[in-house]
Amino acid sequence: MLYSDDKYKLFSEELEGSSIGTVWSAMRADNFDRETLSYEEKVAYFLELIQLLMKYGKIKLAKHGKLLEGNIEYQVTLYKAAFPKTEEEWKAKNEDIWFYDEDCPGGIVWIHDNGYEDWT
């Protein structure tokens, strides 16, 4: 587990309502009290945060106006399989633009306490 309860809570509160690209951009070394963060570590932190946000009912994933099907593990597996494997591949896919490309399994829908779905 990469996130402590406090770190998860901080990210959850600070990023609420953000696009998936903004969530990705928060995966910086200084946000984890580290000097550096490799691309692979960034991906691991990102995927774990997405999984935790889904587990605690903060988000769902969706594409083309439809929520993704399957359980959390399945959806995270889809993301892991589709995510560019190297930083070079990430850059070749125009970085954050990848989240809006057909290769990306989906974006974030924030689920608010009152049930409102915030499609980002």
PDB file of N, CA and C in Angstrom:
ATOM      1  N   MET A   1       0.847  -1.173   0.000  1.00  0.00           N
ATOM      2  CA  MET A   1       0.000   0.000   0.000  1.00  0.00           C
ATOM      3  C   MET A   1       0.897   1.242   0.000  1.00  0.00           C
ATOM      4  N   LEU A   2       0.727   2.069  -0.999  1.00  0.00           N
ATOM      5  CA  LEU A   2       1.569   3.252  -1.150  1.00  0.00           C
ATOM      6  C   LEU A   2       1.064   4.451  -0.355  1.00  0.00           C
ATOM      7  N   TYR A   3      -0.236   4.475  -0.072  1.00  0.00           N
ATOM      8  CA  TYR A   3      -0.844   5.623   0.607  1.00  0.00           C
ATOM      9  C   TYR A   3      -1.159   5.309   2.063  1.00  0.00           C
ATOM     10  N   SER A   4      -0.724   6.195   2.953  1.00  0.00           N
ATOM     11  CA  SER A   4      -1.191   6.124   4.338  1.00  0.00           C
ATOM     12  C   SER A   4      -2.615   6.664   4.346  1.00  0.00           C
ATOM     13  N   ASP A   5      -3.341   6.432   5.421  1.00  0.00           N
ATOM     14  CA  ASP A   5      -4.699   6.975   5.526  1.00  0.00           C
ATOM     15  C   ASP A   5      -4.696   8.493   5.402  1.00  0.00           C
ATOM     16  N   ASP A   6      -3.742   9.139   6.059  1.00  0.00           N
ATOM     17  CA  ASP A   6      -3.664  10.604   6.011  1.00  0.00           C
ATOM     18  C   ASP A   6      -3.350  11.109   4.606  1.00  0.00           C
ATOM     19  N   LYS A   7      -2.428  10.441   3.925  1.00  0.00           N
ATOM     20  CA  LYS A   7      -2.047  10.863   2.572  1.00  0.00           C
ATOM     21  C   LYS A   7      -3.229  10.668   1.621  1.00  0.00           C
ATOM     22  N   TYR A   8      -3.929   9.535   1.733  1.00  0.00           N
ATOM     23  CA  TYR A   8      -5.108   9.311   0.893  1.00  0.00           C
ATOM     24  C   TYR A   8      -6.153  10.401   1.139  1.00  0.00           C
ATOM     25  N   LYS A   9      -6.420  10.698   2.404  1.00  0.00           N
ATOM     26  CA  LYS A   9      -7.428  11.709   2.744  1.00  0.00           C
ATOM     27  C   LYS A   9      -7.059  13.062   2.143  1.00  0.00           C
ATOM     28  N   LEU A  10      -5.795  13.429   2.241  1.00  0.00           N
ATOM     29  CA  LEU A  10      -5.327  14.696   1.687  1.00  0.00           C
ATOM     30  C   LEU A  10      -5.553  14.745   0.172  1.00  0.00           C
ATOM     31  N   PHE A  11      -5.118  13.710  -0.531  1.00  0.00           N
ATOM     32  CA  PHE A  11      -5.293  13.671  -1.983  1.00  0.00           C
ATOM     33  C   PHE A  11      -6.773  13.678  -2.348  1.00  0.00           C
ATOM     34  N   SER A  12      -7.561  12.899  -1.640  1.00  0.00           N
ATOM     35  CA  SER A  12      -8.995  12.812  -1.908  1.00  0.00           C
ATOM     36  C   SER A  12      -9.665  14.176  -1.780  1.00  0.00           C
ATOM     37  N   GLU A  13      -9.338  14.894  -0.725  1.00  0.00           N
ATOM     38  CA  GLU A  13      -9.952  16.207  -0.490  1.00  0.00           C
ATOM     39  C   GLU A  13      -9.440  17.257  -1.469  1.00  0.00           C
ATOM     40  N   GLU A  14      -8.136  17.273  -1.699  1.00  0.00           N
ATOM     41  CA  GLU A  14      -7.546  18.298  -2.563  1.00  0.00           C
ATOM     42  C   GLU A  14      -7.915  18.120  -4.035  1.00  0.00           C
ATOM     43  N   LEU A  15      -8.104  16.883  -4.458  1.00  0.00           N
ATOM     44  CA  LEU A  15      -8.357  16.618  -5.871  1.00  0.00           C
ATOM     45  C   LEU A  15      -9.834  16.462  -6.214  1.00  0.00           C
ATOM     46  N   GLU A  16     -10.704  16.485  -5.224  1.00  0.00           N
ATOM     47  CA  GLU A  16     -12.130  16.272  -5.484  1.00  0.00           C
ATOM     48  C   GLU A  16     -12.633  17.212  -6.576  1.00  0.00           C
ATOM     49  N   GLY A  17     -13.302  16.633  -7.563  1.00  0.00           N
ATOM     50  CA  GLY A  17     -13.859  17.393  -8.673  1.00  0.00           C
ATOM     51  C   GLY A  17     -12.904  17.594  -9.836  1.00  0.00           C
ATOM     52  N   SER A  18     -11.664  17.147  -9.678  1.00  0.00           N
ATOM     53  CA  SER A  18     -10.643  17.343 -10.715  1.00  0.00           C
ATOM     54  C   SER A  18     -10.776  16.334 -11.848  1.00  0.00           C
ATOM     55  N   SER A  19     -10.253  16.715 -12.995  1.00  0.00           N
ATOM     56  CA  SER A  19     -10.198  15.797 -14.131  1.00  0.00           C
ATOM     57  C   SER A  19      -9.150  14.725 -13.863  1.00  0.00           C
ATOM     58  N   ILE A  20      -9.206  13.676 -14.647  1.00  0.00           N
ATOM     59  CA  ILE A  20      -8.232  12.601 -14.479  1.00  0.00           C
ATOM     60  C   ILE A  20      -6.822  13.087 -14.803  1.00  0.00           C
ATOM     61  N   GLY A  21      -6.695  14.022 -15.733  1.00  0.00           N
ATOM     62  CA  GLY A  21      -5.394  14.605 -16.043  1.00  0.00           C
ATOM     63  C   GLY A  21      -4.815  15.377 -14.869  1.00  0.00           C
ATOM     64  N   THR A  22      -5.677  16.063 -14.132  1.00  0.00           N
ATOM     65  CA  THR A  22      -5.229  16.802 -12.950  1.00  0.00           C
ATOM     66  C   THR A  22      -4.799  15.838 -11.851  1.00  0.00           C
ATOM     67  N   VAL A  23      -5.528  14.742 -11.699  1.00  0.00           N
ATOM     68  CA  VAL A  23      -5.134  13.722 -10.717  1.00  0.00           C
ATOM     69  C   VAL A  23      -3.748  13.190 -11.085  1.00  0.00           C
ATOM     70  N   TRP A  24      -3.542  12.893 -12.361  1.00  0.00           N
ATOM     71  CA  TRP A  24      -2.234  12.420 -12.811  1.00  0.00           C
ATOM     72  C   TRP A  24      -1.150  13.450 -12.507  1.00  0.00           C
ATOM     73  N   SER A  25      -1.426  14.717 -12.757  1.00  0.00           N
ATOM     74  CA  SER A  25      -0.406  15.753 -12.556  1.00  0.00           C
ATOM     75  C   SER A  25      -0.022  15.919 -11.085  1.00  0.00           C
ATOM     76  N   ALA A  26      -0.850  15.434 -10.175  1.00  0.00           N
ATOM     77  CA  ALA A  26      -0.529  15.488  -8.743  1.00  0.00           C
ATOM     78  C   ALA A  26       0.468  14.402  -8.334  1.00  0.00           C
ATOM     79  N   MET A  27       0.783  13.501  -9.241  1.00  0.00           N
ATOM     80  CA  MET A  27       1.726  12.424  -8.945  1.00  0.00           C
ATOM     81  C   MET A  27       3.150  12.948  -9.136  1.00  0.00           C
ATOM     82  N   ARG A  28       3.548  13.835  -8.230  1.00  0.00           N
ATOM     83  CA  ARG A  28       4.869  14.462  -8.259  1.00  0.00           C
ATOM     84  C   ARG A  28       5.649  14.044  -7.022  1.00  0.00           C
ATOM     85  N   ALA A  29       6.950  13.979  -7.159  1.00  0.00           N
ATOM     86  CA  ALA A  29       7.814  13.549  -6.053  1.00  0.00           C
ATOM     87  C   ALA A  29       7.567  14.356  -4.785  1.00  0.00           C
ATOM     88  N   ASP A  30       7.448  15.669  -4.910  1.00  0.00           N
ATOM     89  CA  ASP A  30       7.294  16.500  -3.710  1.00  0.00           C
ATOM     90  C   ASP A  30       5.986  16.226  -2.975  1.00  0.00           C
ATOM     91  N   ASN A  31       4.974  15.749  -3.676  1.00  0.00           N
ATOM     92  CA  ASN A  31       3.717  15.396  -3.008  1.00  0.00           C
ATOM     93  C   ASN A  31       3.832  14.121  -2.175  1.00  0.00           C
ATOM     94  N   PHE A  32       4.925  13.396  -2.371  1.00  0.00           N
ATOM     95  CA  PHE A  32       5.149  12.160  -1.622  1.00  0.00           C
ATOM     96  C   PHE A  32       6.407  12.256  -0.763  1.00  0.00           C
ATOM     97  N   ASP A  33       6.851  13.493  -0.522  1.00  0.00           N
ATOM     98  CA  ASP A  33       8.043  13.744   0.298  1.00  0.00           C
ATOM     99  C   ASP A  33       9.258  12.981  -0.218  1.00  0.00           C
ATOM    100  N   ARG A  34       9.417  13.017  -1.539  1.00  0.00           N
ATOM    101  CA  ARG A  34      10.530  12.316  -2.172  1.00  0.00           C
ATOM    102  C   ARG A  34      11.299  13.280  -3.058  1.00  0.00           C
ATOM    103  N   GLU A  35      12.539  12.929  -3.323  1.00  0.00           N
ATOM    104  CA  GLU A  35      13.388  13.731  -4.217  1.00  0.00           C
ATOM    105  C   GLU A  35      13.007  13.497  -5.675  1.00  0.00           C
ATOM    106  N   THR A  36      12.787  12.234  -6.019  1.00  0.00           N
ATOM    107  CA  THR A  36      12.452  11.879  -7.399  1.00  0.00           C
ATOM    108  C   THR A  36      11.347  10.832  -7.394  1.00  0.00           C
ATOM    109  N   LEU A  37      10.712  10.703  -8.528  1.00  0.00           N
ATOM    110  CA  LEU A  37       9.663   9.703  -8.710  1.00  0.00           C
ATOM    111  C   LEU A  37       9.771   9.225 -10.156  1.00  0.00           C
ATOM    112  N   SER A  38      10.077   7.956 -10.344  1.00  0.00           N
ATOM    113  CA  SER A  38      10.195   7.430 -11.702  1.00  0.00           C
ATOM    114  C   SER A  38       8.814   7.364 -12.348  1.00  0.00           C
ATOM    115  N   TYR A  39       8.796   7.230 -13.650  1.00  0.00           N
ATOM    116  CA  TYR A  39       7.532   7.103 -14.368  1.00  0.00           C
ATOM    117  C   TYR A  39       6.744   5.903 -13.836  1.00  0.00           C
ATOM    118  N   GLU A  40       7.421   4.786 -13.636  1.00  0.00           N
ATOM    119  CA  GLU A  40       6.759   3.576 -13.146  1.00  0.00           C
ATOM    120  C   GLU A  40       6.152   3.803 -11.760  1.00  0.00           C
ATOM    121  N   GLU A  41       6.869   4.533 -10.903  1.00  0.00           N
ATOM    122  CA  GLU A  41       6.340   4.850  -9.571  1.00  0.00           C
ATOM    123  C   GLU A  41       5.133   5.780  -9.673  1.00  0.00           C
ATOM    124  N   LYS A  42       5.208   6.747 -10.579  1.00  0.00           N
ATOM    125  CA  LYS A  42       4.078   7.653 -10.806  1.00  0.00           C
ATOM    126  C   LYS A  42       2.827   6.867 -11.189  1.00  0.00           C
ATOM    127  N   VAL A  43       3.008   5.930 -12.115  1.00  0.00           N
ATOM    128  CA  VAL A  43       1.882   5.106 -12.563  1.00  0.00           C
ATOM    129  C   VAL A  43       1.329   4.302 -11.394  1.00  0.00           C
ATOM    130  N   ALA A  44       2.202   3.723 -10.590  1.00  0.00           N
ATOM    131  CA  ALA A  44       1.760   2.922  -9.442  1.00  0.00           C
ATOM    132  C   ALA A  44       0.972   3.771  -8.448  1.00  0.00           C
ATOM    133  N   TYR A  45       1.473   4.958  -8.123  1.00  0.00           N
ATOM    134  CA  TYR A  45       0.755   5.861  -7.212  1.00  0.00           C
ATOM    135  C   TYR A  45      -0.594   6.268  -7.807  1.00  0.00           C
ATOM    136  N   PHE A  46      -0.602   6.580  -9.083  1.00  0.00           N
ATOM    137  CA  PHE A  46      -1.823   6.993  -9.765  1.00  0.00           C
ATOM    138  C   PHE A  46      -2.877   5.888  -9.727  1.00  0.00           C
ATOM    139  N   LEU A  47      -2.484   4.685 -10.122  1.00  0.00           N
ATOM    140  CA  LEU A  47      -3.443   3.578 -10.166  1.00  0.00           C
ATOM    141  C   LEU A  47      -3.955   3.223  -8.777  1.00  0.00           C
ATOM    142  N   GLU A  48      -3.078   3.283  -7.778  1.00  0.00           N
ATOM    143  CA  GLU A  48      -3.539   2.991  -6.419  1.00  0.00           C
ATOM    144  C   GLU A  48      -4.521   4.054  -5.939  1.00  0.00           C
ATOM    145  N   LEU A  49      -4.254   5.315  -6.256  1.00  0.00           N
ATOM    146  CA  LEU A  49      -5.187   6.369  -5.846  1.00  0.00           C
ATOM    147  C   LEU A  49      -6.542   6.183  -6.525  1.00  0.00           C
ATOM    148  N   ILE A  50      -6.541   5.884  -7.810  1.00  0.00           N
ATOM    149  CA  ILE A  50      -7.804   5.643  -8.527  1.00  0.00           C
ATOM    150  C   ILE A  50      -8.552   4.493  -7.863  1.00  0.00           C
ATOM    151  N   GLN A  51      -7.832   3.415  -7.549  1.00  0.00           N
ATOM    152  CA  GLN A  51      -8.452   2.258  -6.909  1.00  0.00           C
ATOM    153  C   GLN A  51      -9.041   2.629  -5.546  1.00  0.00           C
ATOM    154  N   LEU A  52      -8.307   3.384  -4.749  1.00  0.00           N
ATOM    155  CA  LEU A  52      -8.802   3.786  -3.427  1.00  0.00           C
ATOM    156  C   LEU A  52     -10.011   4.715  -3.543  1.00  0.00           C
ATOM    157  N   LEU A  53      -9.963   5.661  -4.465  1.00  0.00           N
ATOM    158  CA  LEU A  53     -11.096   6.567  -4.654  1.00  0.00           C
ATOM    159  C   LEU A  53     -12.349   5.789  -5.054  1.00  0.00           C
ATOM    160  N   MET A  54     -12.173   4.762  -5.871  1.00  0.00           N
ATOM    161  CA  MET A  54     -13.311   3.916  -6.250  1.00  0.00           C
ATOM    162  C   MET A  54     -13.786   3.087  -5.055  1.00  0.00           C
ATOM    163  N   LYS A  55     -12.845   2.511  -4.330  1.00  0.00           N
ATOM    164  CA  LYS A  55     -13.177   1.671  -3.173  1.00  0.00           C
ATOM    165  C   LYS A  55     -14.014   2.428  -2.149  1.00  0.00           C
ATOM    166  N   TYR A  56     -13.668   3.690  -1.921  1.00  0.00           N
ATOM    167  CA  TYR A  56     -14.381   4.483  -0.919  1.00  0.00           C
ATOM    168  C   TYR A  56     -15.557   5.266  -1.500  1.00  0.00           C
ATOM    169  N   GLY A  57     -15.924   4.949  -2.735  1.00  0.00           N
ATOM    170  CA  GLY A  57     -17.121   5.530  -3.334  1.00  0.00           C
ATOM    171  C   GLY A  57     -17.003   6.978  -3.755  1.00  0.00           C
ATOM    172  N   LYS A  58     -15.770   7.478  -3.893  1.00  0.00           N
ATOM    173  CA  LYS A  58     -15.561   8.879  -4.278  1.00  0.00           C
ATOM    174  C   LYS A  58     -15.669   9.090  -5.786  1.00  0.00           C
ATOM    175  N   ILE A  59     -15.284   8.066  -6.562  1.00  0.00           N
ATOM    176  CA  ILE A  59     -15.333   8.191  -8.018  1.00  0.00           C
ATOM    177  C   ILE A  59     -15.841   6.907  -8.655  1.00  0.00           C
ATOM    178  N   LYS A  60     -16.229   7.063  -9.910  1.00  0.00           N
ATOM    179  CA  LYS A  60     -16.465   5.952 -10.825  1.00  0.00           C
ATOM    180  C   LYS A  60     -15.731   6.321 -12.102  1.00  0.00           C
ATOM    181  N   LEU A  61     -15.469   5.339 -12.931  1.00  0.00           N
ATOM    182  CA  LEU A  61     -14.838   5.593 -14.218  1.00  0.00           C
ATOM    183  C   LEU A  61     -15.887   5.481 -15.309  1.00  0.00           C
ATOM    184  N   ALA A  62     -15.751   6.307 -16.341  1.00  0.00           N
ATOM    185  CA  ALA A  62     -16.739   6.328 -17.418  1.00  0.00           C
ATOM    186  C   ALA A  62     -16.074   6.693 -18.738  1.00  0.00           C
ATOM    187  N   LYS A  63     -16.766   6.334 -19.815  1.00  0.00           N
ATOM    188  CA  LYS A  63     -16.296   6.668 -21.165  1.00  0.00           C
ATOM    189  C   LYS A  63     -17.508   6.895 -22.041  1.00  0.00           C
ATOM    190  N   HIS A  64     -17.490   7.954 -22.810  1.00  0.00           N
ATOM    191  CA  HIS A  64     -18.577   8.280 -23.742  1.00  0.00           C
ATOM    192  C   HIS A  64     -19.938   8.315 -23.053  1.00  0.00           C
ATOM    193  N   GLY A  65     -19.996   8.897 -21.863  1.00  0.00           N
ATOM    194  CA  GLY A  65     -21.262   9.072 -21.160  1.00  0.00           C
ATOM    195  C   GLY A  65     -21.809   7.829 -20.488  1.00  0.00           C
ATOM    196  N   LYS A  66     -21.011   6.763 -20.428  1.00  0.00           N
ATOM    197  CA  LYS A  66     -21.456   5.522 -19.788  1.00  0.00           C
ATOM    198  C   LYS A  66     -20.436   5.085 -18.749  1.00  0.00           C
ATOM    199  N   LEU A  67     -20.930   4.682 -17.582  1.00  0.00           N
ATOM    200  CA  LEU A  67     -20.038   4.157 -16.549  1.00  0.00           C
ATOM    201  C   LEU A  67     -19.430   2.847 -17.021  1.00  0.00           C
ATOM    202  N   LEU A  68     -18.170   2.632 -16.665  1.00  0.00           N
ATOM    203  CA  LEU A  68     -17.525   1.373 -17.019  1.00  0.00           C
ATOM    204  C   LEU A  68     -18.158   0.236 -16.232  1.00  0.00           C
ATOM    205  N   GLU A  69     -18.188  -0.917 -16.846  1.00  0.00           N
ATOM    206  CA  GLU A  69     -18.743  -2.099 -16.190  1.00  0.00           C
ATOM    207  C   GLU A  69     -17.623  -2.880 -15.513  1.00  0.00           C
ATOM    208  N   GLY A  70     -18.024  -3.779 -14.628  1.00  0.00           N
ATOM    209  CA  GLY A  70     -17.065  -4.624 -13.932  1.00  0.00           C
ATOM    210  C   GLY A  70     -16.716  -4.066 -12.564  1.00  0.00           C
ATOM    211  N   ASN A  71     -16.096  -4.915 -11.755  1.00  0.00           N
ATOM    212  CA  ASN A  71     -15.725  -4.487 -10.405  1.00  0.00           C
ATOM    213  C   ASN A  71     -14.491  -3.589 -10.447  1.00  0.00           C
ATOM    214  N   ILE A  72     -14.127  -3.055  -9.305  1.00  0.00           N
ATOM    215  CA  ILE A  72     -13.009  -2.110  -9.215  1.00  0.00           C
ATOM    216  C   ILE A  72     -11.720  -2.739  -9.735  1.00  0.00           C
ATOM    217  N   GLU A  73     -11.438  -3.945  -9.298  1.00  0.00           N
ATOM    218  CA  GLU A  73     -10.205  -4.616  -9.715  1.00  0.00           C
ATOM    219  C   GLU A  73     -10.144  -4.750 -11.235  1.00  0.00           C
ATOM    220  N   TYR A  74     -11.253  -5.116 -11.838  1.00  0.00           N
ATOM    221  CA  TYR A  74     -11.315  -5.268 -13.293  1.00  0.00           C
ATOM    222  C   TYR A  74     -11.045  -3.931 -13.987  1.00  0.00           C
ATOM    223  N   GLN A  75     -11.673  -2.866 -13.503  1.00  0.00           N
ATOM    224  CA  GLN A  75     -11.505  -1.555 -14.127  1.00  0.00           C
ATOM    225  C   GLN A  75     -10.072  -1.046 -13.984  1.00  0.00           C
ATOM    226  N   VAL A  76      -9.468  -1.263 -12.830  1.00  0.00           N
ATOM    227  CA  VAL A  76      -8.074  -0.855 -12.634  1.00  0.00           C
ATOM    228  C   VAL A  76      -7.162  -1.687 -13.534  1.00  0.00           C
ATOM    229  N   THR A  77      -7.483  -2.955 -13.716  1.00  0.00           N
ATOM    230  CA  THR A  77      -6.716  -3.813 -14.615  1.00  0.00           C
ATOM    231  C   THR A  77      -6.796  -3.299 -16.049  1.00  0.00           C
ATOM    232  N   LEU A  78      -7.979  -2.831 -16.462  1.00  0.00           N
ATOM    233  CA  LEU A  78      -8.120  -2.235 -17.797  1.00  0.00           C
ATOM    234  C   LEU A  78      -7.181  -1.039 -17.941  1.00  0.00           C
ATOM    235  N   TYR A  79      -7.166  -0.201 -16.922  1.00  0.00           N
ATOM    236  CA  TYR A  79      -6.309   0.982 -16.940  1.00  0.00           C
ATOM    237  C   TYR A  79      -4.846   0.586 -17.002  1.00  0.00           C
ATOM    238  N   LYS A  80      -4.468  -0.357 -16.158  1.00  0.00           N
ATOM    239  CA  LYS A  80      -3.072  -0.797 -16.102  1.00  0.00           C
ATOM    240  C   LYS A  80      -2.630  -1.360 -17.454  1.00  0.00           C
ATOM    241  N   ALA A  81      -3.487  -2.135 -18.091  1.00  0.00           N
ATOM    242  CA  ALA A  81      -3.155  -2.738 -19.380  1.00  0.00           C
ATOM    243  C   ALA A  81      -3.033  -1.687 -20.485  1.00  0.00           C
ATOM    244  N   ALA A  82      -3.857  -0.658 -20.427  1.00  0.00           N
ATOM    245  CA  ALA A  82      -3.876   0.358 -21.480  1.00  0.00           C
ATOM    246  C   ALA A  82      -2.846   1.465 -21.277  1.00  0.00           C
ATOM    247  N   PHE A  83      -2.430   1.694 -20.039  1.00  0.00           N
ATOM    248  CA  PHE A  83      -1.554   2.824 -19.730  1.00  0.00           C
ATOM    249  C   PHE A  83      -0.223   2.675 -20.460  1.00  0.00           C
ATOM    250  N   PRO A  84       0.292   3.747 -21.039  1.00  0.00           N
ATOM    251  CA  PRO A  84       1.605   3.673 -21.690  1.00  0.00           C
ATOM    252  C   PRO A  84       2.645   3.074 -20.744  1.00  0.00           C
ATOM    253  N   LYS A  85       3.426   2.139 -21.252  1.00  0.00           N
ATOM    254  CA  LYS A  85       4.342   1.358 -20.410  1.00  0.00           C
ATOM    255  C   LYS A  85       5.615   2.097 -20.025  1.00  0.00           C
ATOM    256  N   THR A  86       6.026   3.038 -20.843  1.00  0.00           N
ATOM    257  CA  THR A  86       7.262   3.770 -20.565  1.00  0.00           C
ATOM    258  C   THR A  86       7.003   5.268 -20.667  1.00  0.00           C
ATOM    259  N   GLU A  87       7.915   6.037 -20.103  1.00  0.00           N
ATOM    260  CA  GLU A  87       7.791   7.492 -20.188  1.00  0.00           C
ATOM    261  C   GLU A  87       7.896   7.954 -21.640  1.00  0.00           C
ATOM    262  N   GLU A  88       8.723   7.273 -22.427  1.00  0.00           N
ATOM    263  CA  GLU A  88       8.861   7.617 -23.840  1.00  0.00           C
ATOM    264  C   GLU A  88       7.540   7.392 -24.572  1.00  0.00           C
ATOM    265  N   GLU A  89       6.887   6.270 -24.287  1.00  0.00           N
ATOM    266  CA  GLU A  89       5.583   5.989 -24.897  1.00  0.00           C
ATOM    267  C   GLU A  89       4.553   7.023 -24.438  1.00  0.00           C
ATOM    268  N   TRP A  90       4.593   7.391 -23.164  1.00  0.00           N
ATOM    269  CA  TRP A  90       3.696   8.413 -22.612  1.00  0.00           C
ATOM    270  C   TRP A  90       3.871   9.731 -23.368  1.00  0.00           C
ATOM    271  N   LYS A  91       5.122  10.141 -23.559  1.00  0.00           N
ATOM    272  CA  LYS A  91       5.397  11.391 -24.270  1.00  0.00           C
ATOM    273  C   LYS A  91       4.975  11.300 -25.733  1.00  0.00           C
ATOM    274  N   ALA A  92       5.178  10.137 -26.344  1.00  0.00           N
ATOM    275  CA  ALA A  92       4.787   9.952 -27.743  1.00  0.00           C
ATOM    276  C   ALA A  92       3.273  10.039 -27.922  1.00  0.00           C
ATOM    277  N   LYS A  93       2.535   9.750 -26.868  1.00  0.00           N
ATOM    278  CA  LYS A  93       1.069   9.822 -26.922  1.00  0.00           C
ATOM    279  C   LYS A  93       0.565  11.184 -26.437  1.00  0.00           C
ATOM    280  N   ASN A  94       1.452  12.173 -26.447  1.00  0.00           N
ATOM    281  CA  ASN A  94       1.113  13.550 -26.066  1.00  0.00           C
ATOM    282  C   ASN A  94       0.700  13.696 -24.613  1.00  0.00           C
ATOM    283  N   GLU A  95       1.283  12.885 -23.764  1.00  0.00           N
ATOM    284  CA  GLU A  95       1.124  12.971 -22.314  1.00  0.00           C
ATOM    285  C   GLU A  95      -0.339  13.045 -21.886  1.00  0.00           C
ATOM    286  N   ASP A  96      -0.753  14.110 -21.228  1.00  0.00           N
ATOM    287  CA  ASP A  96      -2.111  14.181 -20.660  1.00  0.00           C
ATOM    288  C   ASP A  96      -3.218  14.013 -21.694  1.00  0.00           C
ATOM    289  N   ILE A  97      -2.911  14.262 -22.960  1.00  0.00           N
ATOM    290  CA  ILE A  97      -3.915  14.087 -24.016  1.00  0.00           C
ATOM    291  C   ILE A  97      -4.360  12.623 -24.067  1.00  0.00           C
ATOM    292  N   TRP A  98      -3.501  11.696 -23.643  1.00  0.00           N
ATOM    293  CA  TRP A  98      -3.840  10.274 -23.664  1.00  0.00           C
ATOM    294  C   TRP A  98      -5.136   9.995 -22.912  1.00  0.00           C
ATOM    295  N   PHE A  99      -5.393  10.736 -21.844  1.00  0.00           N
ATOM    296  CA  PHE A  99      -6.594  10.505 -21.048  1.00  0.00           C
ATOM    297  C   PHE A  99      -7.875  10.752 -21.845  1.00  0.00           C
ATOM    298  N   TYR A 100      -7.768  11.476 -22.943  1.00  0.00           N
ATOM    299  CA  TYR A 100      -8.940  11.788 -23.769  1.00  0.00           C
ATOM    300  C   TYR A 100      -8.923  11.017 -25.081  1.00  0.00           C
ATOM    301  N   ASP A 101      -7.949  10.138 -25.230  1.00  0.00           N
ATOM    302  CA  ASP A 101      -7.797   9.330 -26.427  1.00  0.00           C
ATOM    303  C   ASP A 101      -8.620   8.047 -26.294  1.00  0.00           C
ATOM    304  N   GLU A 102      -8.885   7.416 -27.407  1.00  0.00           N
ATOM    305  CA  GLU A 102      -9.650   6.164 -27.390  1.00  0.00           C
ATOM    306  C   GLU A 102      -8.923   5.051 -26.647  1.00  0.00           C
ATOM    307  N   ASP A 103      -7.596   5.112 -26.580  1.00  0.00           N
ATOM    308  CA  ASP A 103      -6.827   4.082 -25.866  1.00  0.00           C
ATOM    309  C   ASP A 103      -7.097   4.088 -24.364  1.00  0.00           C
ATOM    310  N   CYS A 104      -7.483   5.235 -23.832  1.00  0.00           N
ATOM    311  CA  CYS A 104      -7.738   5.362 -22.393  1.00  0.00           C
ATOM    312  C   CYS A 104      -9.099   4.750 -22.059  1.00  0.00           C
ATOM    313  N   PRO A 105      -9.150   3.895 -21.046  1.00  0.00           N
ATOM    314  CA  PRO A 105     -10.415   3.238 -20.693  1.00  0.00           C
ATOM    315  C   PRO A 105     -11.522   4.177 -20.222  1.00  0.00           C
ATOM    316  N   GLY A 106     -11.170   5.330 -19.643  1.00  0.00           N
ATOM    317  CA  GLY A 106     -12.230   6.227 -19.183  1.00  0.00           C
ATOM    318  C   GLY A 106     -11.719   7.354 -18.323  1.00  0.00           C
ATOM    319  N   GLY A 107     -12.629   8.274 -18.043  1.00  0.00           N
ATOM    320  CA  GLY A 107     -12.337   9.410 -17.187  1.00  0.00           C
ATOM    321  C   GLY A 107     -13.038   9.259 -15.854  1.00  0.00           C
ATOM    322  N   ILE A 108     -12.941  10.297 -15.045  1.00  0.00           N
ATOM    323  CA  ILE A 108     -13.472  10.265 -13.680  1.00  0.00           C
ATOM    324  C   ILE A 108     -14.857  10.889 -13.603  1.00  0.00           C
ATOM    325  N   VAL A 109     -15.713  10.227 -12.847  1.00  0.00           N
ATOM    326  CA  VAL A 109     -16.994  10.789 -12.423  1.00  0.00           C
ATOM    327  C   VAL A 109     -16.921  10.850 -10.901  1.00  0.00           C
ATOM    328  N   TRP A 110     -16.949  12.065 -10.363  1.00  0.00           N
ATOM    329  CA  TRP A 110     -16.911  12.232  -8.905  1.00  0.00           C
ATOM    330  C   TRP A 110     -18.311  12.033  -8.351  1.00  0.00           C
ATOM    331  N   ILE A 111     -18.424  11.263  -7.287  1.00  0.00           N
ATOM    332  CA  ILE A 111     -19.701  10.991  -6.636  1.00  0.00           C
ATOM    333  C   ILE A 111     -19.736  11.795  -5.335  1.00  0.00           C
ATOM    334  N   HIS A 112     -20.616  12.782  -5.293  1.00  0.00           N
ATOM    335  CA  HIS A 112     -20.708  13.644  -4.110  1.00  0.00           C
ATOM    336  C   HIS A 112     -21.605  13.007  -3.050  1.00  0.00           C
ATOM    337  N   ASP A 113     -21.483  13.492  -1.827  1.00  0.00           N
ATOM    338  CA  ASP A 113     -22.237  12.930  -0.699  1.00  0.00           C
ATOM    339  C   ASP A 113     -23.740  12.922  -0.944  1.00  0.00           C
ATOM    340  N   ASN A 114     -24.239  13.900  -1.695  1.00  0.00           N
ATOM    341  CA  ASN A 114     -25.679  13.968  -1.975  1.00  0.00           C
ATOM    342  C   ASN A 114     -26.082  13.117  -3.185  1.00  0.00           C
ATOM    343  N   GLY A 115     -25.107  12.371  -3.747  1.00  0.00           N
ATOM    344  CA  GLY A 115     -25.385  11.499  -4.876  1.00  0.00           C
ATOM    345  C   GLY A 115     -25.144  12.137  -6.234  1.00  0.00           C
ATOM    346  N   TYR A 116     -24.886  13.444  -6.260  1.00  0.00           N
ATOM    347  CA  TYR A 116     -24.632  14.136  -7.521  1.00  0.00           C
ATOM    348  C   TYR A 116     -23.397  13.554  -8.198  1.00  0.00           C
ATOM    349  N   GLU A 117     -23.496  13.295  -9.493  1.00  0.00           N
ATOM    350  CA  GLU A 117     -22.382  12.783 -10.280  1.00  0.00           C
ATOM    351  C   GLU A 117     -21.758  13.932 -11.061  1.00  0.00           C
ATOM    352  N   ASP A 118     -20.504  14.203 -10.802  1.00  0.00           N
ATOM    353  CA  ASP A 118     -19.761  15.275 -11.456  1.00  0.00           C
ATOM    354  C   ASP A 118     -18.878  14.650 -12.533  1.00  0.00           C
ATOM    355  N   TRP A 119     -19.353  14.691 -13.776  1.00  0.00           N
ATOM    356  CA  TRP A 119     -18.628  14.099 -14.897  1.00  0.00           C
ATOM    357  C   TRP A 119     -17.543  15.070 -15.343  1.00  0.00           C
ATOM    358  N   THR A 120     -16.281  14.633 -15.246  1.00  0.00           N
ATOM    359  CA  THR A 120     -15.171  15.525 -15.613  1.00  0.00           C
ATOM    360  C   THR A 120     -14.640  15.180 -16.983  1.00  0.00           C
TER     361      THR A 120
END
